[in-house]
Amino acid sequence: MSGPGYRINELKIKGGYTGTIDLNGKNLKVTKNIAIWNGTILVPTGSVLQNWKDLYIYSGGTITASNAKLISVKKNVHISGELTAPGGDHTRFVVHGGFNIHSGGTFNHSDGTVNLATQYKGACANATATINIEDGPGTGRNFYNLYKSARRHVYLNHDIKVENDLTNVGKGCIKAKNSSNTSRNITIGGDLDLQKNNNFKANSGSVIFNGSSTQTINSLSNFNNVQISNSDVSLNRAATVTGTLTIDSGATLDINSYNL
């Protein structure tokens, strides 16, 4: 990564600090954890915030990075305070572990993309990295675009909502079941693109398409339950539903000359 800046071992901003650390277009690379109990880290245009372990934003802490060049976290993100993420595509906010919004935490997605480039080893059935939205879907807890890359896997600890597109381009899967074997649901407001036949393990959960404009389904993975709640949803390839397909009153699923 190019650009002027600093590299430090660990960053802890303790309670009682009320100021702002402004990266001011520079790069800050942290070898271990970043932990913010209070105060603000501002990551403005051109700035990079990168660490090689976990990112903890506690209830009094804030990271504001809507215009950041990049936030990169080698392990897990934990949000109990407030994170305003970069807008834009999958190159600007990359997480190599799990993504946790704890109860009371706020995630402002900035119409951007969370790229889960998960690296934790293990089969899909035994995934250890989690998408953990403790209070469930809602304002300040939803994704805008969720982009899954790399060859490793994640599981859903709670239901999630993706307001726009959900894409999986790597070999890794999204397992819609938590560690207690409870199946979880995914609500999608945009397009679904699953490019490998093992990109999604539905279990007994549902995928719900409830957007307000055209949505497309492009999946090599099988579904269990599917609910269509939008008047303009169509297939971009053949699809298999092993459970129940529900089409709400006023909704439409165009199979578009493909097999269902």
C-alpha atoms as a PDB file:
ATOM      1  CA  MET A   1       0.000   0.000   0.000  1.00  0.00           C
ATOM      2  CA  SER A   2       1.478   3.298  -1.025  1.00  0.00           C
ATOM      3  CA  GLY A   3       1.146   6.684   0.575  1.00  0.00           C
ATOM      4  CA  PRO A   4       2.616   8.536   3.588  1.00  0.00           C
ATOM      5  CA  GLY A   5       1.612   7.587   7.094  1.00  0.00           C
ATOM      6  CA  TYR A   6       2.485   5.669  10.228  1.00  0.00           C
ATOM      7  CA  ARG A   7       2.773   2.081  11.397  1.00  0.00           C
ATOM      8  CA  ILE A   8       2.279   1.266  15.092  1.00  0.00           C
ATOM      9  CA  ASN A   9       1.982  -1.885  17.156  1.00  0.00           C
ATOM     10  CA  GLU A  10      -1.443  -1.342  18.780  1.00  0.00           C
ATOM     11  CA  LEU A  11      -4.007   1.444  19.120  1.00  0.00           C
ATOM     12  CA  LYS A  12      -6.162   1.872  22.235  1.00  0.00           C
ATOM     13  CA  ILE A  13      -8.289   4.966  22.794  1.00  0.00           C
ATOM     14  CA  LYS A  14      -9.500   4.748  26.384  1.00  0.00           C
ATOM     15  CA  GLY A  15     -12.610   6.122  28.054  1.00  0.00           C
ATOM     16  CA  GLY A  16     -12.439   9.810  28.935  1.00  0.00           C
ATOM     17  CA  TYR A  17     -10.953  10.871  25.610  1.00  0.00           C
ATOM     18  CA  THR A  18     -13.411  13.121  23.782  1.00  0.00           C
ATOM     19  CA  GLY A  19     -11.322  14.348  20.880  1.00  0.00           C
ATOM     20  CA  THR A  20     -10.850  13.305  17.252  1.00  0.00           C
ATOM     21  CA  ILE A  21      -7.868  11.595  15.674  1.00  0.00           C
ATOM     22  CA  ASP A  22      -7.886  12.842  12.073  1.00  0.00           C
ATOM     23  CA  LEU A  23      -5.840  10.769   9.619  1.00  0.00           C
ATOM     24  CA  ASN A  24      -5.893  13.803   7.301  1.00  0.00           C
ATOM     25  CA  GLY A  25      -5.246  11.918   4.066  1.00  0.00           C
ATOM     26  CA  LYS A  26      -2.528   9.708   5.605  1.00  0.00           C
ATOM     27  CA  ASN A  27      -2.308   5.945   6.218  1.00  0.00           C
ATOM     28  CA  LEU A  28      -2.404   4.364   9.675  1.00  0.00           C
ATOM     29  CA  LYS A  29      -1.360   0.705   9.862  1.00  0.00           C
ATOM     30  CA  VAL A  30      -1.723  -1.147  13.164  1.00  0.00           C
ATOM     31  CA  THR A  31       0.008  -4.492  13.675  1.00  0.00           C
ATOM     32  CA  LYS A  32      -2.377  -5.712  16.409  1.00  0.00           C
ATOM     33  CA  ASN A  33      -5.844  -4.650  17.621  1.00  0.00           C
ATOM     34  CA  ILE A  34      -7.566  -1.316  17.289  1.00  0.00           C
ATOM     35  CA  ALA A  35      -9.805  -0.682  20.311  1.00  0.00           C
ATOM     36  CA  ILE A  36     -11.810   2.529  20.757  1.00  0.00           C
ATOM     37  CA  TRP A  37     -13.624   3.066  24.039  1.00  0.00           C
ATOM     38  CA  ASN A  38     -14.282   6.773  23.480  1.00  0.00           C
ATOM     39  CA  GLY A  39     -13.582   9.565  21.020  1.00  0.00           C
ATOM     40  CA  THR A  40     -13.499   9.496  17.224  1.00  0.00           C
ATOM     41  CA  ILE A  41     -11.178   8.313  14.490  1.00  0.00           C
ATOM     42  CA  LEU A  42     -11.785  10.297  11.304  1.00  0.00           C
ATOM     43  CA  VAL A  43     -10.659   8.558   8.103  1.00  0.00           C
ATOM     44  CA  PRO A  44     -11.213  11.191   5.384  1.00  0.00           C
ATOM     45  CA  THR A  45     -10.679  11.203   1.625  1.00  0.00           C
ATOM     46  CA  GLY A  46      -7.430   9.504   0.651  1.00  0.00           C
ATOM     47  CA  SER A  47      -6.815   7.945   4.066  1.00  0.00           C
ATOM     48  CA  VAL A  48      -6.282   4.255   4.874  1.00  0.00           C
ATOM     49  CA  LEU A  49      -6.969   2.541   8.209  1.00  0.00           C
ATOM     50  CA  GLN A  50      -5.566  -0.986   8.326  1.00  0.00           C
ATOM     51  CA  ASN A  51      -4.933  -3.484  11.104  1.00  0.00           C
ATOM     52  CA  TRP A  52      -3.817  -7.102  11.327  1.00  0.00           C
ATOM     53  CA  LYS A  53      -6.044  -8.283  14.184  1.00  0.00           C
ATOM     54  CA  ASP A  54      -9.486  -7.243  15.507  1.00  0.00           C
ATOM     55  CA  LEU A  55     -11.249  -3.894  15.321  1.00  0.00           C
ATOM     56  CA  TYR A  56     -13.281  -3.062  18.453  1.00  0.00           C
ATOM     57  CA  ILE A  57     -15.535  -0.013  18.551  1.00  0.00           C
ATOM     58  CA  TYR A  58     -17.004   0.131  22.055  1.00  0.00           C
ATOM     59  CA  SER A  59     -20.171   2.002  23.025  1.00  0.00           C
ATOM     60  CA  GLY A  60     -18.483   5.400  23.391  1.00  0.00           C
ATOM     61  CA  GLY A  61     -16.305   5.079  20.300  1.00  0.00           C
ATOM     62  CA  THR A  62     -16.805   6.273  16.724  1.00  0.00           C
ATOM     63  CA  ILE A  63     -15.096   5.721  13.398  1.00  0.00           C
ATOM     64  CA  THR A  64     -16.181   8.060  10.596  1.00  0.00           C
ATOM     65  CA  ALA A  65     -14.904   6.893   7.217  1.00  0.00           C
ATOM     66  CA  SER A  66     -17.548   7.521   4.544  1.00  0.00           C
ATOM     67  CA  ASN A  67     -14.922   8.938   2.167  1.00  0.00           C
ATOM     68  CA  ALA A  68     -11.983   6.739   3.182  1.00  0.00           C
ATOM     69  CA  LYS A  69      -9.777   5.191   0.537  1.00  0.00           C
ATOM     70  CA  LEU A  70      -9.737   1.897   2.455  1.00  0.00           C
ATOM     71  CA  ILE A  71     -10.551   0.228   5.754  1.00  0.00           C
ATOM     72  CA  SER A  72      -8.971  -3.219   6.011  1.00  0.00           C
ATOM     73  CA  VAL A  73      -9.358  -5.535   9.015  1.00  0.00           C
ATOM     74  CA  LYS A  74      -7.390  -8.784   9.110  1.00  0.00           C
ATOM     75  CA  LYS A  75      -9.675 -10.498  11.630  1.00  0.00           C
ATOM     76  CA  ASN A  76     -13.062  -9.485  13.099  1.00  0.00           C
ATOM     77  CA  VAL A  77     -15.041  -6.253  13.273  1.00  0.00           C
ATOM     78  CA  HIS A  78     -16.941  -5.632  16.540  1.00  0.00           C
ATOM     79  CA  ILE A  79     -19.300  -2.634  16.632  1.00  0.00           C
ATOM     80  CA  SER A  80     -20.881  -1.578  19.930  1.00  0.00           C
ATOM     81  CA  GLY A  81     -20.414   2.127  19.194  1.00  0.00           C
ATOM     82  CA  GLU A  82     -20.780   3.699  15.748  1.00  0.00           C
ATOM     83  CA  LEU A  83     -19.056   2.958  12.447  1.00  0.00           C
ATOM     84  CA  THR A  84     -19.736   5.026   9.348  1.00  0.00           C
ATOM     85  CA  ALA A  85     -18.267   2.887   6.581  1.00  0.00           C
ATOM     86  CA  PRO A  86     -16.808   3.894   3.220  1.00  0.00           C
ATOM     87  CA  GLY A  87     -19.215   4.264   0.337  1.00  0.00           C
ATOM     88  CA  GLY A  88     -18.469   2.667  -3.006  1.00  0.00           C
ATOM     89  CA  ASP A  89     -17.413  -0.757  -4.235  1.00  0.00           C
ATOM     90  CA  HIS A  90     -15.921  -3.888  -2.651  1.00  0.00           C
ATOM     91  CA  THR A  91     -12.345  -2.551  -2.655  1.00  0.00           C
ATOM     92  CA  ARG A  92     -12.935   0.047   0.071  1.00  0.00           C
ATOM     93  CA  PHE A  93     -14.029  -1.941   3.152  1.00  0.00           C
ATOM     94  CA  VAL A  94     -12.446  -5.392   3.416  1.00  0.00           C
ATOM     95  CA  VAL A  95     -12.875  -7.728   6.405  1.00  0.00           C
ATOM     96  CA  HIS A  96     -10.949 -10.992   6.562  1.00  0.00           C
ATOM     97  CA  GLY A  97     -12.855 -12.462   9.521  1.00  0.00           C
ATOM     98  CA  GLY A  98     -16.391 -11.979  10.863  1.00  0.00           C
ATOM     99  CA  PHE A  99     -18.650  -8.936  11.099  1.00  0.00           C
ATOM    100  CA  ASN A 100     -20.407  -8.216  14.411  1.00  0.00           C
ATOM    101  CA  ILE A 101     -22.891  -5.474  15.260  1.00  0.00           C
ATOM    102  CA  HIS A 102     -23.507  -5.913  18.971  1.00  0.00           C
ATOM    103  CA  SER A 103     -26.651  -4.799  20.766  1.00  0.00           C
ATOM    104  CA  GLY A 104     -26.876  -0.994  20.667  1.00  0.00           C
ATOM    105  CA  GLY A 105     -24.194  -0.642  18.005  1.00  0.00           C
ATOM    106  CA  THR A 106     -24.745   1.447  14.867  1.00  0.00           C
ATOM    107  CA  PHE A 107     -23.474   0.669  11.380  1.00  0.00           C
ATOM    108  CA  ASN A 108     -23.970   3.424   8.791  1.00  0.00           C
ATOM    109  CA  HIS A 109     -23.321   1.738   5.447  1.00  0.00           C
ATOM    110  CA  SER A 110     -23.012   4.944   3.322  1.00  0.00           C
ATOM    111  CA  ASP A 111     -24.498   3.000   0.356  1.00  0.00           C
ATOM    112  CA  GLY A 112     -21.209   1.112   0.307  1.00  0.00           C
ATOM    113  CA  THR A 113     -20.041  -2.500   0.238  1.00  0.00           C
ATOM    114  CA  VAL A 114     -18.762  -4.796   2.963  1.00  0.00           C
ATOM    115  CA  ASN A 115     -16.317  -7.277   1.399  1.00  0.00           C
ATOM    116  CA  LEU A 116     -16.028 -10.405   3.548  1.00  0.00           C
ATOM    117  CA  ALA A 117     -12.778 -11.924   2.296  1.00  0.00           C
ATOM    118  CA  THR A 118     -12.863 -14.507   5.076  1.00  0.00           C
ATOM    119  CA  GLN A 119      -9.674 -16.482   5.697  1.00  0.00           C
ATOM    120  CA  TYR A 120     -10.599 -18.766   8.629  1.00  0.00           C
ATOM    121  CA  LYS A 121     -10.111 -22.431   7.733  1.00  0.00           C
ATOM    122  CA  GLY A 122     -12.721 -25.185   7.947  1.00  0.00           C
ATOM    123  CA  ALA A 123     -15.529 -26.638   5.850  1.00  0.00           C
ATOM    124  CA  CYS A 124     -18.744 -24.693   5.241  1.00  0.00           C
ATOM    125  CA  ALA A 125     -20.619 -26.892   7.725  1.00  0.00           C
ATOM    126  CA  ASN A 126     -18.075 -25.940  10.415  1.00  0.00           C
ATOM    127  CA  ALA A 127     -17.641 -22.257   9.566  1.00  0.00           C
ATOM    128  CA  THR A 128     -16.224 -20.231  12.469  1.00  0.00           C
ATOM    129  CA  ALA A 129     -16.411 -16.673  11.119  1.00  0.00           C
ATOM    130  CA  THR A 130     -19.828 -15.150  11.732  1.00  0.00           C
ATOM    131  CA  ILE A 131     -22.117 -12.392  10.520  1.00  0.00           C
ATOM    132  CA  ASN A 132     -23.599 -11.510  13.890  1.00  0.00           C
ATOM    133  CA  ILE A 133     -26.271  -8.779  13.912  1.00  0.00           C
ATOM    134  CA  GLU A 134     -27.427  -9.122  17.514  1.00  0.00           C
ATOM    135  CA  ASP A 135     -30.542  -6.907  17.336  1.00  0.00           C
ATOM    136  CA  GLY A 136     -31.533  -8.277  13.928  1.00  0.00           C
ATOM    137  CA  PRO A 137     -32.190  -6.256  10.771  1.00  0.00           C
ATOM    138  CA  GLY A 138     -33.108  -2.585  11.058  1.00  0.00           C
ATOM    139  CA  THR A 139     -31.897   0.960  10.525  1.00  0.00           C
ATOM    140  CA  GLY A 140     -28.236   1.181  11.444  1.00  0.00           C
ATOM    141  CA  ARG A 141     -27.846  -2.607  11.298  1.00  0.00           C
ATOM    142  CA  ASN A 142     -28.363  -3.497   7.628  1.00  0.00           C
ATOM    143  CA  PHE A 143     -25.846  -3.927   4.842  1.00  0.00           C
ATOM    144  CA  TYR A 144     -26.183  -1.982   1.604  1.00  0.00           C
ATOM    145  CA  ASN A 145     -24.095  -4.289  -0.590  1.00  0.00           C
ATOM    146  CA  LEU A 146     -22.655  -7.489   0.864  1.00  0.00           C
ATOM    147  CA  TYR A 147     -19.828  -8.969  -1.207  1.00  0.00           C
ATOM    148  CA  LYS A 148     -18.380 -12.350  -0.254  1.00  0.00           C
ATOM    149  CA  SER A 149     -14.984 -13.195  -1.701  1.00  0.00           C
ATOM    150  CA  ALA A 150     -12.079 -15.582  -0.974  1.00  0.00           C
ATOM    151  CA  ARG A 151     -12.325 -19.325  -0.350  1.00  0.00           C
ATOM    152  CA  ARG A 152     -13.394 -19.500   3.305  1.00  0.00           C
ATOM    153  CA  HIS A 153     -16.824 -19.498   4.906  1.00  0.00           C
ATOM    154  CA  VAL A 154     -19.125 -17.509   7.202  1.00  0.00           C
ATOM    155  CA  TYR A 155     -22.319 -18.380   9.059  1.00  0.00           C
ATOM    156  CA  LEU A 156     -25.293 -16.246  10.091  1.00  0.00           C
ATOM    157  CA  ASN A 157     -25.833 -15.903  13.825  1.00  0.00           C
ATOM    158  CA  HIS A 158     -29.009 -13.850  13.251  1.00  0.00           C
ATOM    159  CA  ASP A 159     -31.237 -12.869  10.331  1.00  0.00           C
ATOM    160  CA  ILE A 160     -29.730 -10.214   8.062  1.00  0.00           C
ATOM    161  CA  LYS A 161     -30.976  -7.665   5.544  1.00  0.00           C
ATOM    162  CA  VAL A 162     -29.047  -6.537   2.457  1.00  0.00           C
ATOM    163  CA  GLU A 163     -30.723  -3.395   1.136  1.00  0.00           C
ATOM    164  CA  ASN A 164     -29.143  -3.693  -2.306  1.00  0.00           C
ATOM    165  CA  ASP A 165     -27.013  -6.513  -3.827  1.00  0.00           C
ATOM    166  CA  LEU A 166     -25.688  -9.732  -2.315  1.00  0.00           C
ATOM    167  CA  THR A 167     -22.791 -11.214  -4.302  1.00  0.00           C
ATOM    168  CA  ASN A 168     -20.551 -14.237  -3.689  1.00  0.00           C
ATOM    169  CA  VAL A 169     -17.689 -14.599  -6.160  1.00  0.00           C
ATOM    170  CA  GLY A 170     -15.251 -16.824  -4.240  1.00  0.00           C
ATOM    171  CA  LYS A 171     -15.269 -20.497  -3.263  1.00  0.00           C
ATOM    172  CA  GLY A 172     -16.448 -19.752   0.272  1.00  0.00           C
ATOM    173  CA  CYS A 173     -20.050 -20.265   1.394  1.00  0.00           C
ATOM    174  CA  ILE A 174     -22.585 -18.316   3.403  1.00  0.00           C
ATOM    175  CA  LYS A 175     -24.208 -20.772   5.827  1.00  0.00           C
ATOM    176  CA  ALA A 176     -27.676 -19.630   6.912  1.00  0.00           C
ATOM    177  CA  LYS A 177     -27.536 -21.401  10.275  1.00  0.00           C
ATOM    178  CA  ASN A 178     -26.001 -20.338  13.584  1.00  0.00           C
ATOM    179  CA  SER A 179     -23.844 -22.248  16.060  1.00  0.00           C
ATOM    180  CA  SER A 180     -26.998 -23.524  17.824  1.00  0.00           C
ATOM    181  CA  ASN A 181     -28.261 -25.018  14.524  1.00  0.00           C
ATOM    182  CA  THR A 182     -31.053 -22.445  14.162  1.00  0.00           C
ATOM    183  CA  SER A 183     -31.655 -21.518  10.525  1.00  0.00           C
ATOM    184  CA  ARG A 184     -31.571 -17.848   9.577  1.00  0.00           C
ATOM    185  CA  ASN A 185     -33.236 -15.698   6.902  1.00  0.00           C
ATOM    186  CA  ILE A 186     -31.758 -13.261   4.393  1.00  0.00           C
ATOM    187  CA  THR A 187     -33.793 -10.346   3.041  1.00  0.00           C
ATOM    188  CA  ILE A 188     -32.490  -8.812  -0.193  1.00  0.00           C
ATOM    189  CA  GLY A 189     -33.552  -5.521  -1.777  1.00  0.00           C
ATOM    190  CA  GLY A 190     -31.408  -5.825  -4.921  1.00  0.00           C
ATOM    191  CA  ASP A 191     -29.848  -8.575  -7.023  1.00  0.00           C
ATOM    192  CA  LEU A 192     -28.538 -11.936  -5.851  1.00  0.00           C
ATOM    193  CA  ASP A 193     -25.455 -13.347  -7.588  1.00  0.00           C
ATOM    194  CA  LEU A 194     -24.039 -16.684  -6.346  1.00  0.00           C
ATOM    195  CA  GLN A 195     -21.378 -17.742  -8.822  1.00  0.00           C
ATOM    196  CA  LYS A 196     -20.448 -21.184  -7.428  1.00  0.00           C
ATOM    197  CA  ASN A 197     -22.667 -24.156  -6.630  1.00  0.00           C
ATOM    198  CA  ASN A 198     -21.485 -24.190  -3.009  1.00  0.00           C
ATOM    199  CA  ASN A 199     -21.765 -20.437  -2.361  1.00  0.00           C
ATOM    200  CA  PHE A 200     -24.879 -20.760  -0.197  1.00  0.00           C
ATOM    201  CA  LYS A 201     -26.030 -23.359   2.327  1.00  0.00           C
ATOM    202  CA  ALA A 202     -29.672 -22.534   2.944  1.00  0.00           C
ATOM    203  CA  ASN A 203     -30.549 -25.114   5.618  1.00  0.00           C
ATOM    204  CA  SER A 204     -34.236 -24.486   6.454  1.00  0.00           C
ATOM    205  CA  GLY A 205     -34.023 -20.682   6.229  1.00  0.00           C
ATOM    206  CA  SER A 206     -35.634 -18.351   3.706  1.00  0.00           C
ATOM    207  CA  VAL A 207     -34.352 -15.884   1.140  1.00  0.00           C
ATOM    208  CA  ILE A 208     -36.787 -12.978   0.830  1.00  0.00           C
ATOM    209  CA  PHE A 209     -36.769 -10.655  -2.189  1.00  0.00           C
ATOM    210  CA  ASN A 210     -38.558  -7.448  -1.203  1.00  0.00           C
ATOM    211  CA  GLY A 211     -37.001  -4.684  -3.326  1.00  0.00           C
ATOM    212  CA  SER A 212     -38.916  -1.794  -4.853  1.00  0.00           C
ATOM    213  CA  SER A 213     -37.286  -1.994  -8.311  1.00  0.00           C
ATOM    214  CA  THR A 214     -36.123  -4.753 -10.664  1.00  0.00           C
ATOM    215  CA  GLN A 215     -34.378  -7.682  -8.947  1.00  0.00           C
ATOM    216  CA  THR A 216     -32.554 -10.590 -10.584  1.00  0.00           C
ATOM    217  CA  ILE A 217     -31.622 -14.018  -9.196  1.00  0.00           C
ATOM    218  CA  ASN A 218     -28.445 -15.558 -10.552  1.00  0.00           C
ATOM    219  CA  SER A 219     -27.561 -18.611  -8.460  1.00  0.00           C
ATOM    220  CA  LEU A 220     -25.746 -21.895  -8.949  1.00  0.00           C
ATOM    221  CA  SER A 221     -26.586 -22.783  -5.318  1.00  0.00           C
ATOM    222  CA  ASN A 222     -29.892 -24.314  -4.259  1.00  0.00           C
ATOM    223  CA  PHE A 223     -32.433 -22.528  -2.077  1.00  0.00           C
ATOM    224  CA  ASN A 224     -34.659 -23.955   0.626  1.00  0.00           C
ATOM    225  CA  ASN A 225     -37.517 -21.447   1.068  1.00  0.00           C
ATOM    226  CA  VAL A 226     -37.905 -18.416  -1.209  1.00  0.00           C
ATOM    227  CA  GLN A 227     -40.351 -15.551  -0.735  1.00  0.00           C
ATOM    228  CA  ILE A 228     -41.059 -13.088  -3.552  1.00  0.00           C
ATOM    229  CA  SER A 229     -42.458  -9.800  -2.228  1.00  0.00           C
ATOM    230  CA  ASN A 230     -41.608  -7.570  -5.196  1.00  0.00           C
ATOM    231  CA  SER A 231     -43.565  -7.109  -8.426  1.00  0.00           C
ATOM    232  CA  ASP A 232     -40.440  -7.368 -10.630  1.00  0.00           C
ATOM    233  CA  VAL A 233     -38.184 -10.360  -9.828  1.00  0.00           C
ATOM    234  CA  SER A 234     -36.696 -12.578 -12.533  1.00  0.00           C
ATOM    235  CA  LEU A 235     -34.304 -15.499 -12.958  1.00  0.00           C
ATOM    236  CA  ASN A 236     -30.991 -15.117 -14.774  1.00  0.00           C
ATOM    237  CA  ARG A 237     -30.424 -18.902 -14.797  1.00  0.00           C
ATOM    238  CA  ALA A 238     -32.221 -22.088 -13.769  1.00  0.00           C
ATOM    239  CA  ALA A 239     -32.959 -22.321 -10.037  1.00  0.00           C
ATOM    240  CA  THR A 240     -33.829 -25.037  -7.518  1.00  0.00           C
ATOM    241  CA  VAL A 241     -36.047 -24.507  -4.474  1.00  0.00           C
ATOM    242  CA  THR A 242     -36.137 -27.549  -2.186  1.00  0.00           C
ATOM    243  CA  GLY A 243     -38.636 -26.116   0.317  1.00  0.00           C
ATOM    244  CA  THR A 244     -41.481 -23.649  -0.271  1.00  0.00           C
ATOM    245  CA  LEU A 245     -41.735 -20.932  -2.906  1.00  0.00           C
ATOM    246  CA  THR A 246     -44.089 -18.149  -1.790  1.00  0.00           C
ATOM    247  CA  ILE A 247     -45.173 -15.387  -4.166  1.00  0.00           C
ATOM    248  CA  ASP A 248     -47.013 -12.650  -2.288  1.00  0.00           C
ATOM    249  CA  SER A 249     -50.171 -11.009  -3.586  1.00  0.00           C
ATOM    250  CA  GLY A 250     -49.158  -8.440  -6.218  1.00  0.00           C
ATOM    251  CA  ALA A 251     -45.634  -9.887  -6.535  1.00  0.00           C
ATOM    252  CA  THR A 252     -44.187 -11.506  -9.681  1.00  0.00           C
ATOM    253  CA  LEU A 253     -41.458 -14.048 -10.405  1.00  0.00           C
ATOM    254  CA  ASP A 254     -40.518 -14.226 -14.094  1.00  0.00           C
ATOM    255  CA  ILE A 255     -38.629 -17.499 -14.708  1.00  0.00           C
ATOM    256  CA  ASN A 256     -37.435 -15.906 -17.946  1.00  0.00           C
ATOM    257  CA  SER A 257     -37.404 -19.137 -20.017  1.00  0.00           C
ATOM    258  CA  TYR A 258     -35.260 -20.946 -17.407  1.00  0.00           C
ATOM    259  CA  ASN A 259     -36.196 -24.077 -15.452  1.00  0.00           C
ATOM    260  CA  LEU A 260     -37.465 -23.713 -11.911  1.00  0.00           C
END
